[in-house]
Amino acid sequence: MPPGQFKVLYDGECPFCRLEARWLGRLDRRGRLLLEDIAAPEFDPAQYGTTLPALMGTLHGVHADGRQTHGVETFRQAYRAVGLGWVLAPTGWPILRPCFDFAYNIFARYRIRLGGLFGRGCTDRCEMPEARIK
């Protein structure tokens, strides 16, 4: 991955993740954002030193130098890559950061159930206990 790029590892079977990934992909006019679907049959989590259950628990990202992010920090980096870092900047402010991290963790824990409300059928991997947020 060339310097300056950021990769988001998203769940293409999740309607929320898919919608966000498509939207960010359309906004990426500078070619700085890469999107990789962890639900794709050819996806291998070992290339990132992790497992699919771990990736299912929260959104992950990878910098060009190999550093990894997770949760709201991945959103901040993705929005920064497409030139909209200012939109999520408040989520990183010291007083607000714990609130946004907490809220995202709750959403991530229940996104599968919430997705069911929007017509997403769950696959076997949705039931993996390791997918839960720690």
C-alpha atoms as a PDB file:
ATOM      1  CA  MET A   1       0.000   0.000   0.000  1.00  0.00           C
ATOM      2  CA  PRO A   2       1.509   3.367  -1.023  1.00  0.00           C
ATOM      3  CA  PRO A   3       2.312   5.969   1.660  1.00  0.00           C
ATOM      4  CA  GLY A   4      -0.605   8.220   2.550  1.00  0.00           C
ATOM      5  CA  GLN A   5      -3.236   5.573   1.964  1.00  0.00           C
ATOM      6  CA  PHE A   6      -5.507   4.084   4.592  1.00  0.00           C
ATOM      7  CA  LYS A   7      -7.366   0.773   4.342  1.00  0.00           C
ATOM      8  CA  VAL A   8     -10.700   0.083   6.042  1.00  0.00           C
ATOM      9  CA  LEU A   9     -11.577  -3.530   6.807  1.00  0.00           C
ATOM     10  CA  TYR A  10     -15.357  -3.587   6.760  1.00  0.00           C
ATOM     11  CA  ASP A  11     -18.064  -6.265   6.928  1.00  0.00           C
ATOM     12  CA  GLY A  12     -19.735  -6.323   3.517  1.00  0.00           C
ATOM     13  CA  GLU A  13     -22.615  -8.367   4.928  1.00  0.00           C
ATOM     14  CA  CYS A  14     -23.564  -5.617   7.385  1.00  0.00           C
ATOM     15  CA  PRO A  15     -25.941  -3.070   5.848  1.00  0.00           C
ATOM     16  CA  PHE A  16     -24.518  -0.238   7.948  1.00  0.00           C
ATOM     17  CA  CYS A  17     -20.905  -1.090   7.141  1.00  0.00           C
ATOM     18  CA  ARG A  18     -21.671  -1.560   3.451  1.00  0.00           C
ATOM     19  CA  LEU A  19     -23.475   1.777   3.241  1.00  0.00           C
ATOM     20  CA  GLU A  20     -20.655   3.644   4.989  1.00  0.00           C
ATOM     21  CA  ALA A  21     -17.988   1.950   2.839  1.00  0.00           C
ATOM     22  CA  ARG A  22     -19.796   2.824  -0.390  1.00  0.00           C
ATOM     23  CA  TRP A  23     -20.284   6.406   0.714  1.00  0.00           C
ATOM     24  CA  LEU A  24     -16.641   6.841   1.715  1.00  0.00           C
ATOM     25  CA  GLY A  25     -15.566   5.169  -1.529  1.00  0.00           C
ATOM     26  CA  ARG A  26     -17.533   7.727  -3.554  1.00  0.00           C
ATOM     27  CA  LEU A  27     -15.999  10.581  -1.551  1.00  0.00           C
ATOM     28  CA  ASP A  28     -12.439   9.346  -2.118  1.00  0.00           C
ATOM     29  CA  ARG A  29     -11.498  11.534  -5.063  1.00  0.00           C
ATOM     30  CA  ARG A  30      -7.797  11.505  -4.150  1.00  0.00           C
ATOM     31  CA  GLY A  31      -7.448   7.720  -4.106  1.00  0.00           C
ATOM     32  CA  ARG A  32      -6.254   7.640  -0.494  1.00  0.00           C
ATOM     33  CA  LEU A  33      -8.806   5.171   0.860  1.00  0.00           C
ATOM     34  CA  LEU A  34      -8.810   1.435   0.269  1.00  0.00           C
ATOM     35  CA  LEU A  35     -11.763  -0.728   1.265  1.00  0.00           C
ATOM     36  CA  GLU A  36     -11.487  -4.441   1.972  1.00  0.00           C
ATOM     37  CA  ASP A  37     -14.531  -6.603   2.651  1.00  0.00           C
ATOM     38  CA  ILE A  38     -13.859  -9.077   5.447  1.00  0.00           C
ATOM     39  CA  ALA A  39     -16.941 -11.065   4.357  1.00  0.00           C
ATOM     40  CA  ALA A  40     -15.435 -11.821   0.939  1.00  0.00           C
ATOM     41  CA  PRO A  41     -14.628 -15.525   0.489  1.00  0.00           C
ATOM     42  CA  GLU A  42     -11.009 -14.788  -0.420  1.00  0.00           C
ATOM     43  CA  PHE A  43     -10.379 -12.556   2.617  1.00  0.00           C
ATOM     44  CA  ASP A  44      -7.606 -13.873   4.903  1.00  0.00           C
ATOM     45  CA  PRO A  45      -7.469 -12.209   8.346  1.00  0.00           C
ATOM     46  CA  ALA A  46      -4.076 -13.805   9.014  1.00  0.00           C
ATOM     47  CA  GLN A  47      -2.477 -11.233   6.700  1.00  0.00           C
ATOM     48  CA  TYR A  48      -3.306  -8.694   9.417  1.00  0.00           C
ATOM     49  CA  GLY A  49      -2.244 -10.930  12.289  1.00  0.00           C
ATOM     50  CA  THR A  50      -5.787 -11.433  13.533  1.00  0.00           C
ATOM     51  CA  THR A  51      -8.872 -13.597  13.208  1.00  0.00           C
ATOM     52  CA  LEU A  52     -12.261 -13.064  11.605  1.00  0.00           C
ATOM     53  CA  PRO A  53     -14.047 -13.098  14.990  1.00  0.00           C
ATOM     54  CA  ALA A  54     -11.750 -10.321  16.218  1.00  0.00           C
ATOM     55  CA  LEU A  55     -12.431  -8.270  13.086  1.00  0.00           C
ATOM     56  CA  MET A  56     -16.174  -8.828  13.420  1.00  0.00           C
ATOM     57  CA  GLY A  57     -16.183  -7.165  16.829  1.00  0.00           C
ATOM     58  CA  THR A  58     -15.285  -3.669  15.643  1.00  0.00           C
ATOM     59  CA  LEU A  59     -14.242  -1.745  12.558  1.00  0.00           C
ATOM     60  CA  HIS A  60     -10.517  -2.017  11.802  1.00  0.00           C
ATOM     61  CA  GLY A  61      -8.179   0.024   9.645  1.00  0.00           C
ATOM     62  CA  VAL A  62      -4.605  -0.278   8.437  1.00  0.00           C
ATOM     63  CA  HIS A  63      -2.141   2.524   7.691  1.00  0.00           C
ATOM     64  CA  ALA A  64       0.380   2.208   4.863  1.00  0.00           C
ATOM     65  CA  ASP A  65       3.133   1.542   7.427  1.00  0.00           C
ATOM     66  CA  GLY A  66       1.162  -1.388   8.904  1.00  0.00           C
ATOM     67  CA  ARG A  67      -0.150   0.336  12.025  1.00  0.00           C
ATOM     68  CA  GLN A  68      -3.679  -0.752  12.790  1.00  0.00           C
ATOM     69  CA  THR A  69      -6.645   1.100  14.226  1.00  0.00           C
ATOM     70  CA  HIS A  70     -10.014  -0.009  15.503  1.00  0.00           C
ATOM     71  CA  GLY A  71     -13.337   1.499  16.455  1.00  0.00           C
ATOM     72  CA  VAL A  72     -13.950   5.223  16.148  1.00  0.00           C
ATOM     73  CA  GLU A  73     -10.274   5.855  15.401  1.00  0.00           C
ATOM     74  CA  THR A  74     -10.766   3.945  12.139  1.00  0.00           C
ATOM     75  CA  PHE A  75     -13.636   6.255  11.216  1.00  0.00           C
ATOM     76  CA  ARG A  76     -11.490   9.303  12.029  1.00  0.00           C
ATOM     77  CA  GLN A  77      -8.671   8.045   9.811  1.00  0.00           C
ATOM     78  CA  ALA A  78     -11.027   7.087   6.973  1.00  0.00           C
ATOM     79  CA  TYR A  79     -12.714  10.479   7.004  1.00  0.00           C
ATOM     80  CA  ARG A  80      -9.296  12.152   7.111  1.00  0.00           C
ATOM     81  CA  ALA A  81      -8.240  10.104   4.061  1.00  0.00           C
ATOM     82  CA  VAL A  82     -11.189  11.396   2.026  1.00  0.00           C
ATOM     83  CA  GLY A  83     -10.646  15.001   3.147  1.00  0.00           C
ATOM     84  CA  LEU A  84     -13.404  15.159   5.762  1.00  0.00           C
ATOM     85  CA  GLY A  85     -11.338  14.743   8.917  1.00  0.00           C
ATOM     86  CA  TRP A  86     -12.875  17.880  10.372  1.00  0.00           C
ATOM     87  CA  VAL A  87     -16.298  16.172  10.483  1.00  0.00           C
ATOM     88  CA  LEU A  88     -15.156  13.621  13.050  1.00  0.00           C
ATOM     89  CA  ALA A  89     -12.482  15.726  14.759  1.00  0.00           C
ATOM     90  CA  PRO A  90     -14.674  16.299  17.842  1.00  0.00           C
ATOM     91  CA  THR A  91     -14.845  12.529  18.406  1.00  0.00           C
ATOM     92  CA  GLY A  92     -11.133  12.640  19.234  1.00  0.00           C
ATOM     93  CA  TRP A  93     -11.244  15.527  21.693  1.00  0.00           C
ATOM     94  CA  PRO A  94     -10.179  14.367  25.171  1.00  0.00           C
ATOM     95  CA  ILE A  95     -13.490  15.105  26.880  1.00  0.00           C
ATOM     96  CA  LEU A  96     -15.673  13.671  24.092  1.00  0.00           C
ATOM     97  CA  ARG A  97     -13.528  10.727  22.983  1.00  0.00           C
ATOM     98  CA  PRO A  98     -14.651   8.317  25.756  1.00  0.00           C
ATOM     99  CA  CYS A  99     -18.309   9.106  25.042  1.00  0.00           C
ATOM    100  CA  PHE A 100     -17.985   8.427  21.310  1.00  0.00           C
ATOM    101  CA  ASP A 101     -15.896   5.300  21.907  1.00  0.00           C
ATOM    102  CA  PHE A 102     -18.514   3.989  24.344  1.00  0.00           C
ATOM    103  CA  ALA A 103     -21.408   4.753  21.999  1.00  0.00           C
ATOM    104  CA  TYR A 104     -19.643   3.071  19.063  1.00  0.00           C
ATOM    105  CA  ASN A 105     -18.852  -0.015  21.141  1.00  0.00           C
ATOM    106  CA  ILE A 106     -22.544  -0.372  21.997  1.00  0.00           C
ATOM    107  CA  PHE A 107     -23.485   0.044  18.319  1.00  0.00           C
ATOM    108  CA  ALA A 108     -20.802  -2.450  17.205  1.00  0.00           C
ATOM    109  CA  ARG A 109     -22.020  -5.011  19.726  1.00  0.00           C
ATOM    110  CA  TYR A 110     -25.600  -4.842  18.443  1.00  0.00           C
ATOM    111  CA  ARG A 111     -25.066  -3.990  14.760  1.00  0.00           C
ATOM    112  CA  ILE A 112     -25.946  -7.522  13.679  1.00  0.00           C
ATOM    113  CA  ARG A 113     -29.306  -7.374  15.471  1.00  0.00           C
ATOM    114  CA  LEU A 114     -29.928  -3.849  14.227  1.00  0.00           C
ATOM    115  CA  GLY A 115     -29.086  -4.993  10.702  1.00  0.00           C
ATOM    116  CA  GLY A 116     -31.775  -7.646  11.018  1.00  0.00           C
ATOM    117  CA  LEU A 117     -34.313  -4.870  11.426  1.00  0.00           C
ATOM    118  CA  PHE A 118     -33.256  -3.637   7.999  1.00  0.00           C
ATOM    119  CA  GLY A 119     -33.548  -7.003   6.271  1.00  0.00           C
ATOM    120  CA  ARG A 120     -30.080  -8.446   6.734  1.00  0.00           C
ATOM    121  CA  GLY A 121     -30.168 -12.196   7.212  1.00  0.00           C
ATOM    122  CA  CYS A 122     -27.541 -13.399   9.660  1.00  0.00           C
ATOM    123  CA  THR A 123     -24.938 -15.981   8.648  1.00  0.00           C
ATOM    124  CA  ASP A 124     -23.310 -18.529  10.951  1.00  0.00           C
ATOM    125  CA  ARG A 125     -20.469 -16.180  11.820  1.00  0.00           C
ATOM    126  CA  CYS A 126     -22.863 -13.739  13.488  1.00  0.00           C
ATOM    127  CA  GLU A 127     -23.138 -16.133  16.387  1.00  0.00           C
ATOM    128  CA  MET A 128     -19.418 -16.270  17.166  1.00  0.00           C
ATOM    129  CA  PRO A 129     -18.962 -15.209  20.793  1.00  0.00           C
ATOM    130  CA  GLU A 130     -15.485 -13.835  20.028  1.00  0.00           C
ATOM    131  CA  ALA A 131     -17.104 -11.218  17.805  1.00  0.00           C
ATOM    132  CA  ARG A 132     -18.343  -9.389  20.850  1.00  0.00           C
ATOM    133  CA  ILE A 133     -16.662  -6.188  22.002  1.00  0.00           C
ATOM    134  CA  LYS A 134     -14.389  -6.640  24.974  1.00  0.00           C
END
